[in-house]
Amino acid sequence: MKVAKLAFVCVTLLSTVAVAGDKTNFEIYLSIPASGTATAAGSIIGVQNSSDSKSVIQCQIKVDNTVLGATQRLFCHARDVNGNDGTCLLNNPPQAFVDLVYALKDNDKLTFTWDVSNQQCKSVEIQRGSWQVRSNGAT
């Protein structure tokens, strides 16, 4: 009987270790050179779990109905703890950009780049991994 209890405890401890791991809140990262390509990265949940009240990260798709038909606009914005802002826009973005924004979850790492000279979005990336804090509040 003692052997069975010991085996149960060992299996329980091993299974806990097997599902445990590092979890990461991605705080806002901005790199805005004087010219060239700027980068912003972070996660929504990283901002929400942050103690500062300045950080922001978002990407959105806006659709306008005009006489010429519907037009879409991609807008991404990030602000770091120091109040530095990074913003990009893209009119009628490729469908792949739109799909990524719609797929964005609060614990995904969002990275976007833009051309500093014209604020035009160049790329949008979503990263999802086991090292992220779960969106249902589990840690």
N, C-alpha and C. Protein backbone atom coordinates (compact mmCIF):
# COMPACT_ATOMS: atom_id res chain seq x y z
N MET A 1 0.82 -1.19 0.00
CA MET A 1 0.00 0.00 0.00
C MET A 1 0.87 1.26 0.00
N LYS A 2 1.95 1.25 0.83
CA LYS A 2 2.83 2.40 0.87
C LYS A 2 3.53 2.62 -0.46
N VAL A 3 3.86 1.54 -1.14
CA VAL A 3 4.51 1.63 -2.44
C VAL A 3 3.56 2.28 -3.45
N ALA A 4 2.29 1.93 -3.41
CA ALA A 4 1.29 2.51 -4.32
C ALA A 4 1.15 4.01 -4.07
N LYS A 5 1.11 4.40 -2.79
CA LYS A 5 0.99 5.83 -2.46
C LYS A 5 2.23 6.59 -2.93
N LEU A 6 3.39 6.00 -2.70
CA LEU A 6 4.64 6.63 -3.13
C LEU A 6 4.67 6.77 -4.65
N ALA A 7 4.23 5.74 -5.36
CA ALA A 7 4.19 5.79 -6.83
C ALA A 7 3.23 6.88 -7.29
N PHE A 8 2.07 6.99 -6.63
CA PHE A 8 1.10 8.04 -6.98
C PHE A 8 1.69 9.43 -6.78
N VAL A 9 2.36 9.65 -5.66
CA VAL A 9 2.98 10.95 -5.38
C VAL A 9 4.05 11.27 -6.42
N CYS A 10 4.87 10.28 -6.76
CA CYS A 10 5.93 10.49 -7.76
C CYS A 10 5.34 10.84 -9.12
N VAL A 11 4.32 10.11 -9.54
CA VAL A 11 3.68 10.38 -10.83
C VAL A 11 3.05 11.77 -10.83
N THR A 12 2.40 12.13 -9.72
CA THR A 12 1.79 13.46 -9.62
C THR A 12 2.84 14.55 -9.73
N LEU A 13 3.94 14.41 -9.02
CA LEU A 13 5.00 15.41 -9.07
C LEU A 13 5.62 15.50 -10.46
N LEU A 14 5.86 14.36 -11.08
CA LEU A 14 6.44 14.36 -12.42
C LEU A 14 5.51 14.98 -13.44
N SER A 15 4.22 14.71 -13.33
CA SER A 15 3.28 15.29 -14.30
C SER A 15 3.18 16.79 -14.10
N THR A 16 3.29 17.27 -12.87
CA THR A 16 3.28 18.71 -12.62
C THR A 16 4.49 19.36 -13.26
N VAL A 17 5.64 18.74 -13.12
CA VAL A 17 6.86 19.28 -13.72
C VAL A 17 6.75 19.26 -15.25
N ALA A 18 6.11 18.25 -15.80
CA ALA A 18 6.01 18.13 -17.25
C ALA A 18 5.17 19.24 -17.86
N VAL A 19 4.16 19.74 -17.16
CA VAL A 19 3.33 20.80 -17.74
C VAL A 19 3.79 22.18 -17.30
N ALA A 20 4.62 22.25 -16.30
CA ALA A 20 5.11 23.55 -15.85
C ALA A 20 6.17 24.05 -16.81
N GLY A 21 6.36 25.34 -16.84
CA GLY A 21 7.38 25.92 -17.71
C GLY A 21 7.39 27.42 -17.56
N ASP A 22 8.33 28.04 -18.21
CA ASP A 22 8.40 29.49 -18.17
C ASP A 22 7.20 30.09 -18.90
N LYS A 23 6.67 31.14 -18.33
CA LYS A 23 5.59 31.89 -18.97
C LYS A 23 6.05 33.32 -19.10
N THR A 24 5.72 33.94 -20.21
CA THR A 24 6.25 35.26 -20.50
C THR A 24 5.15 36.25 -20.82
N ASN A 25 5.21 37.40 -20.20
CA ASN A 25 4.42 38.55 -20.61
C ASN A 25 5.34 39.42 -21.44
N PHE A 26 5.00 39.67 -22.68
CA PHE A 26 5.85 40.50 -23.52
C PHE A 26 5.52 41.96 -23.31
N GLU A 27 6.44 42.67 -22.67
CA GLU A 27 6.26 44.11 -22.52
C GLU A 27 6.63 44.77 -23.83
N ILE A 28 6.27 46.03 -23.98
CA ILE A 28 6.44 46.73 -25.25
C ILE A 28 7.92 47.00 -25.53
N TYR A 29 8.29 46.68 -26.75
CA TYR A 29 9.63 46.95 -27.26
C TYR A 29 9.46 47.84 -28.49
N LEU A 30 10.18 48.95 -28.53
CA LEU A 30 10.18 49.85 -29.69
C LEU A 30 11.61 50.11 -30.14
N SER A 31 11.80 50.07 -31.45
CA SER A 31 13.07 50.46 -32.05
C SER A 31 12.73 51.35 -33.23
N ILE A 32 12.99 52.65 -33.08
CA ILE A 32 12.64 53.62 -34.13
C ILE A 32 13.90 54.38 -34.52
N PRO A 33 14.57 53.93 -35.57
CA PRO A 33 15.78 54.62 -36.03
C PRO A 33 15.39 55.93 -36.74
N ALA A 34 16.38 56.77 -37.00
CA ALA A 34 16.13 58.03 -37.70
C ALA A 34 15.61 57.80 -39.11
N SER A 35 16.02 56.72 -39.74
CA SER A 35 15.52 56.36 -41.07
C SER A 35 15.53 54.85 -41.20
N GLY A 36 14.83 54.35 -42.19
CA GLY A 36 14.78 52.90 -42.39
C GLY A 36 13.53 52.28 -41.82
N THR A 37 13.69 51.10 -41.24
CA THR A 37 12.56 50.33 -40.75
C THR A 37 12.51 50.35 -39.22
N ALA A 38 11.34 50.70 -38.69
CA ALA A 38 11.11 50.70 -37.25
C ALA A 38 10.39 49.41 -36.87
N THR A 39 10.51 49.04 -35.60
CA THR A 39 9.89 47.81 -35.10
C THR A 39 9.22 48.07 -33.76
N ALA A 40 8.05 47.47 -33.60
CA ALA A 40 7.36 47.47 -32.31
C ALA A 40 6.94 46.04 -32.02
N ALA A 41 6.99 45.66 -30.74
CA ALA A 41 6.59 44.31 -30.36
C ALA A 41 6.08 44.31 -28.93
N GLY A 42 5.23 43.33 -28.64
CA GLY A 42 4.69 43.16 -27.30
C GLY A 42 3.43 42.35 -27.35
N SER A 43 2.80 42.18 -26.20
CA SER A 43 1.54 41.45 -26.16
C SER A 43 0.51 42.25 -25.37
N ILE A 44 -0.74 42.06 -25.70
CA ILE A 44 -1.82 42.75 -25.02
C ILE A 44 -1.81 42.38 -23.54
N ILE A 45 -1.66 41.09 -23.25
CA ILE A 45 -1.67 40.66 -21.85
C ILE A 45 -0.43 41.17 -21.11
N GLY A 46 0.69 41.34 -21.82
CA GLY A 46 1.88 41.92 -21.21
C GLY A 46 1.63 43.34 -20.76
N VAL A 47 0.89 44.10 -21.57
CA VAL A 47 0.54 45.48 -21.20
C VAL A 47 -0.45 45.45 -20.04
N GLN A 48 -1.45 44.58 -20.12
CA GLN A 48 -2.45 44.52 -19.07
C GLN A 48 -1.86 44.11 -17.73
N ASN A 49 -0.83 43.26 -17.74
CA ASN A 49 -0.18 42.81 -16.50
C ASN A 49 0.91 43.75 -16.04
N SER A 50 1.22 44.76 -16.83
CA SER A 50 2.27 45.71 -16.50
C SER A 50 1.78 46.68 -15.42
N SER A 51 2.71 47.18 -14.63
CA SER A 51 2.34 48.13 -13.58
C SER A 51 2.27 49.57 -14.11
N ASP A 52 2.76 49.81 -15.33
CA ASP A 52 2.72 51.17 -15.85
C ASP A 52 1.37 51.44 -16.54
N SER A 53 1.05 52.71 -16.67
CA SER A 53 -0.24 53.08 -17.28
C SER A 53 -0.05 53.70 -18.67
N LYS A 54 1.16 53.66 -19.21
CA LYS A 54 1.43 54.28 -20.51
C LYS A 54 1.46 53.28 -21.66
N SER A 55 1.88 52.06 -21.39
CA SER A 55 2.08 51.08 -22.46
C SER A 55 0.78 50.74 -23.18
N VAL A 56 0.92 50.58 -24.51
CA VAL A 56 -0.21 50.25 -25.38
C VAL A 56 0.32 49.42 -26.53
N ILE A 57 -0.47 48.46 -27.00
CA ILE A 57 -0.17 47.81 -28.27
C ILE A 57 -1.49 47.38 -28.89
N GLN A 58 -1.60 47.61 -30.19
CA GLN A 58 -2.82 47.24 -30.89
C GLN A 58 -2.60 47.24 -32.39
N CYS A 59 -3.40 46.47 -33.07
CA CYS A 59 -3.55 46.55 -34.52
C CYS A 59 -5.04 46.43 -34.79
N GLN A 60 -5.52 47.20 -35.71
CA GLN A 60 -6.94 47.14 -36.04
C GLN A 60 -7.14 47.28 -37.53
N ILE A 61 -8.27 46.77 -37.98
CA ILE A 61 -8.69 46.92 -39.37
C ILE A 61 -9.95 47.77 -39.36
N LYS A 62 -9.93 48.84 -40.12
CA LYS A 62 -11.09 49.71 -40.24
C LYS A 62 -11.61 49.59 -41.67
N VAL A 63 -12.91 49.46 -41.80
CA VAL A 63 -13.53 49.36 -43.13
C VAL A 63 -14.44 50.57 -43.31
N ASP A 64 -14.23 51.30 -44.39
CA ASP A 64 -15.08 52.45 -44.74
C ASP A 64 -15.83 52.14 -46.02
N ASN A 65 -17.09 52.52 -46.06
CA ASN A 65 -17.88 52.37 -47.26
C ASN A 65 -17.94 53.72 -47.95
N THR A 66 -17.39 53.79 -49.14
CA THR A 66 -17.40 55.04 -49.90
C THR A 66 -18.15 54.82 -51.21
N VAL A 67 -18.31 55.87 -51.97
CA VAL A 67 -18.98 55.74 -53.27
C VAL A 67 -18.21 54.83 -54.21
N LEU A 68 -16.93 54.70 -53.97
CA LEU A 68 -16.11 53.82 -54.80
C LEU A 68 -16.10 52.39 -54.29
N GLY A 69 -16.76 52.14 -53.17
CA GLY A 69 -16.80 50.80 -52.58
C GLY A 69 -16.12 50.78 -51.22
N ALA A 70 -16.07 49.62 -50.64
CA ALA A 70 -15.47 49.47 -49.32
C ALA A 70 -13.94 49.53 -49.41
N THR A 71 -13.35 50.24 -48.48
CA THR A 71 -11.89 50.29 -48.38
C THR A 71 -11.50 49.86 -46.97
N GLN A 72 -10.37 49.21 -46.86
CA GLN A 72 -9.86 48.78 -45.56
C GLN A 72 -8.60 49.57 -45.22
N ARG A 73 -8.40 49.75 -43.91
CA ARG A 73 -7.19 50.41 -43.45
C ARG A 73 -6.65 49.65 -42.24
N LEU A 74 -5.38 49.31 -42.31
CA LEU A 74 -4.68 48.70 -41.19
C LEU A 74 -4.03 49.80 -40.39
N PHE A 75 -4.22 49.78 -39.08
CA PHE A 75 -3.61 50.74 -38.18
C PHE A 75 -3.00 49.96 -37.03
N CYS A 76 -1.70 50.15 -36.78
CA CYS A 76 -1.03 49.52 -35.65
C CYS A 76 -0.35 50.61 -34.82
N HIS A 77 -0.38 50.43 -33.51
CA HIS A 77 0.17 51.43 -32.60
C HIS A 77 0.76 50.74 -31.38
N ALA A 78 1.90 51.24 -30.95
CA ALA A 78 2.52 50.77 -29.70
C ALA A 78 3.11 51.98 -28.97
N ARG A 79 3.03 51.94 -27.65
CA ARG A 79 3.65 52.95 -26.80
C ARG A 79 4.34 52.22 -25.66
N ASP A 80 5.59 52.58 -25.41
CA ASP A 80 6.33 51.91 -24.34
C ASP A 80 6.18 52.65 -23.02
N VAL A 81 6.79 52.11 -21.98
CA VAL A 81 6.70 52.64 -20.62
C VAL A 81 7.20 54.08 -20.53
N ASN A 82 8.10 54.49 -21.45
CA ASN A 82 8.65 55.85 -21.45
C ASN A 82 7.79 56.83 -22.25
N GLY A 83 6.68 56.35 -22.82
CA GLY A 83 5.80 57.23 -23.60
C GLY A 83 6.20 57.37 -25.06
N ASN A 84 7.17 56.59 -25.53
CA ASN A 84 7.55 56.63 -26.95
C ASN A 84 6.49 55.90 -27.76
N ASP A 85 6.07 56.52 -28.88
CA ASP A 85 5.03 55.95 -29.72
C ASP A 85 5.56 55.48 -31.05
N GLY A 86 4.99 54.40 -31.54
CA GLY A 86 5.24 53.90 -32.89
C GLY A 86 3.90 53.60 -33.54
N THR A 87 3.72 54.09 -34.76
CA THR A 87 2.44 53.93 -35.45
C THR A 87 2.68 53.65 -36.91
N CYS A 88 1.83 52.80 -37.48
CA CYS A 88 1.87 52.61 -38.92
C CYS A 88 0.46 52.45 -39.47
N LEU A 89 0.32 52.80 -40.74
CA LEU A 89 -0.94 52.71 -41.46
C LEU A 89 -0.69 52.03 -42.79
N LEU A 90 -1.72 51.37 -43.29
CA LEU A 90 -1.64 50.78 -44.62
C LEU A 90 -3.06 50.72 -45.19
N ASN A 91 -3.28 51.44 -46.28
CA ASN A 91 -4.58 51.41 -46.95
C ASN A 91 -4.70 50.16 -47.80
N ASN A 92 -5.86 49.53 -47.77
CA ASN A 92 -6.14 48.31 -48.51
C ASN A 92 -5.02 47.28 -48.35
N PRO A 93 -4.77 46.86 -47.11
CA PRO A 93 -3.68 45.91 -46.85
C PRO A 93 -3.97 44.56 -47.51
N PRO A 94 -2.92 43.78 -47.76
CA PRO A 94 -3.12 42.43 -48.28
C PRO A 94 -3.99 41.62 -47.31
N GLN A 95 -4.75 40.68 -47.84
CA GLN A 95 -5.65 39.87 -47.01
C GLN A 95 -4.89 39.14 -45.90
N ALA A 96 -3.66 38.77 -46.14
CA ALA A 96 -2.87 38.08 -45.11
C ALA A 96 -2.70 38.95 -43.87
N PHE A 97 -2.52 40.27 -44.04
CA PHE A 97 -2.43 41.18 -42.90
C PHE A 97 -3.75 41.19 -42.14
N VAL A 98 -4.84 41.30 -42.88
CA VAL A 98 -6.17 41.34 -42.27
C VAL A 98 -6.42 40.06 -41.47
N ASP A 99 -6.09 38.92 -42.05
CA ASP A 99 -6.29 37.64 -41.38
C ASP A 99 -5.50 37.56 -40.08
N LEU A 100 -4.27 38.05 -40.09
CA LEU A 100 -3.45 38.03 -38.87
C LEU A 100 -4.06 38.89 -37.77
N VAL A 101 -4.53 40.07 -38.13
CA VAL A 101 -5.12 40.95 -37.13
C VAL A 101 -6.37 40.30 -36.53
N TYR A 102 -7.19 39.69 -37.35
CA TYR A 102 -8.39 39.02 -36.85
C TYR A 102 -8.04 37.81 -35.98
N ALA A 103 -6.90 37.20 -36.21
CA ALA A 103 -6.48 36.02 -35.44
C ALA A 103 -5.79 36.39 -34.12
N LEU A 104 -5.44 37.66 -33.93
CA LEU A 104 -4.69 38.11 -32.76
C LEU A 104 -5.43 37.81 -31.46
N LYS A 105 -4.72 37.19 -30.53
CA LYS A 105 -5.25 36.90 -29.19
C LYS A 105 -4.43 37.70 -28.18
N ASP A 106 -5.00 37.91 -27.01
CA ASP A 106 -4.35 38.78 -26.03
C ASP A 106 -2.99 38.28 -25.55
N ASN A 107 -2.72 36.99 -25.64
CA ASN A 107 -1.43 36.49 -25.18
C ASN A 107 -0.45 36.23 -26.32
N ASP A 108 -0.82 36.57 -27.55
CA ASP A 108 0.10 36.46 -28.68
C ASP A 108 1.13 37.59 -28.63
N LYS A 109 2.32 37.30 -29.08
CA LYS A 109 3.32 38.35 -29.25
C LYS A 109 3.07 38.97 -30.62
N LEU A 110 2.75 40.25 -30.63
CA LEU A 110 2.50 41.00 -31.85
C LEU A 110 3.74 41.82 -32.18
N THR A 111 4.23 41.67 -33.40
CA THR A 111 5.36 42.47 -33.89
C THR A 111 4.94 43.10 -35.20
N PHE A 112 5.18 44.40 -35.35
CA PHE A 112 4.94 45.04 -36.63
C PHE A 112 6.08 45.98 -36.96
N THR A 113 6.32 46.15 -38.25
CA THR A 113 7.39 47.03 -38.72
C THR A 113 6.79 48.05 -39.68
N TRP A 114 7.50 49.16 -39.81
CA TRP A 114 7.05 50.20 -40.73
C TRP A 114 8.23 51.01 -41.23
N ASP A 115 7.99 51.69 -42.35
CA ASP A 115 8.97 52.58 -42.95
C ASP A 115 8.88 53.91 -42.21
N VAL A 116 9.99 54.33 -41.61
CA VAL A 116 10.01 55.56 -40.81
C VAL A 116 9.64 56.79 -41.64
N SER A 117 10.02 56.81 -42.92
CA SER A 117 9.80 58.00 -43.75
C SER A 117 8.33 58.27 -44.05
N ASN A 118 7.49 57.23 -44.15
CA ASN A 118 6.10 57.46 -44.54
C ASN A 118 5.09 56.79 -43.62
N GLN A 119 5.54 56.17 -42.53
CA GLN A 119 4.68 55.50 -41.56
C GLN A 119 3.90 54.33 -42.15
N GLN A 120 4.30 53.82 -43.31
CA GLN A 120 3.59 52.73 -43.96
C GLN A 120 4.00 51.39 -43.35
N CYS A 121 2.98 50.60 -42.92
CA CYS A 121 3.25 49.28 -42.36
C CYS A 121 3.94 48.40 -43.39
N LYS A 122 4.97 47.67 -42.95
CA LYS A 122 5.69 46.76 -43.83
C LYS A 122 5.40 45.31 -43.51
N SER A 123 5.23 44.99 -42.22
CA SER A 123 4.97 43.60 -41.84
C SER A 123 4.18 43.54 -40.54
N VAL A 124 3.46 42.45 -40.38
CA VAL A 124 2.76 42.14 -39.14
C VAL A 124 3.04 40.67 -38.85
N GLU A 125 3.42 40.38 -37.61
CA GLU A 125 3.73 39.01 -37.22
C GLU A 125 3.05 38.70 -35.89
N ILE A 126 2.50 37.52 -35.81
CA ILE A 126 1.93 37.03 -34.56
C ILE A 126 2.68 35.77 -34.18
N GLN A 127 3.14 35.74 -32.93
CA GLN A 127 3.82 34.57 -32.41
C GLN A 127 2.98 33.98 -31.29
N ARG A 128 2.84 32.67 -31.31
CA ARG A 128 2.09 31.96 -30.29
C ARG A 128 2.95 30.79 -29.84
N GLY A 129 3.07 30.60 -28.52
CA GLY A 129 3.90 29.51 -28.05
C GLY A 129 3.53 29.05 -26.66
N SER A 130 4.08 27.94 -26.25
CA SER A 130 3.76 27.36 -24.95
C SER A 130 4.31 28.19 -23.80
N TRP A 131 5.23 29.09 -24.08
CA TRP A 131 5.85 29.90 -23.03
C TRP A 131 5.01 31.11 -22.67
N GLN A 132 3.88 31.28 -23.31
CA GLN A 132 3.05 32.45 -23.05
C GLN A 132 2.08 32.21 -21.90
N VAL A 133 1.73 33.29 -21.23
CA VAL A 133 0.72 33.23 -20.19
C VAL A 133 -0.61 32.92 -20.87
N ARG A 134 -1.37 32.05 -20.28
CA ARG A 134 -2.63 31.65 -20.91
C ARG A 134 -3.69 32.72 -20.73
N SER A 135 -4.53 32.91 -21.75
CA SER A 135 -5.51 33.98 -21.73
C SER A 135 -6.66 33.71 -20.77
N ASN A 136 -6.86 32.48 -20.31
CA ASN A 136 -7.94 32.19 -19.39
C ASN A 136 -7.56 32.48 -17.93
N GLY A 137 -6.41 33.09 -17.74
CA GLY A 137 -5.98 33.46 -16.41
C GLY A 137 -5.11 32.40 -15.72
N ALA A 138 -5.01 31.21 -16.32
CA ALA A 138 -4.17 30.17 -15.72
C ALA A 138 -2.71 30.57 -15.85
N THR A 139 -1.93 30.26 -14.86
CA THR A 139 -0.50 30.58 -14.94
C THR A 139 0.35 29.35 -14.92
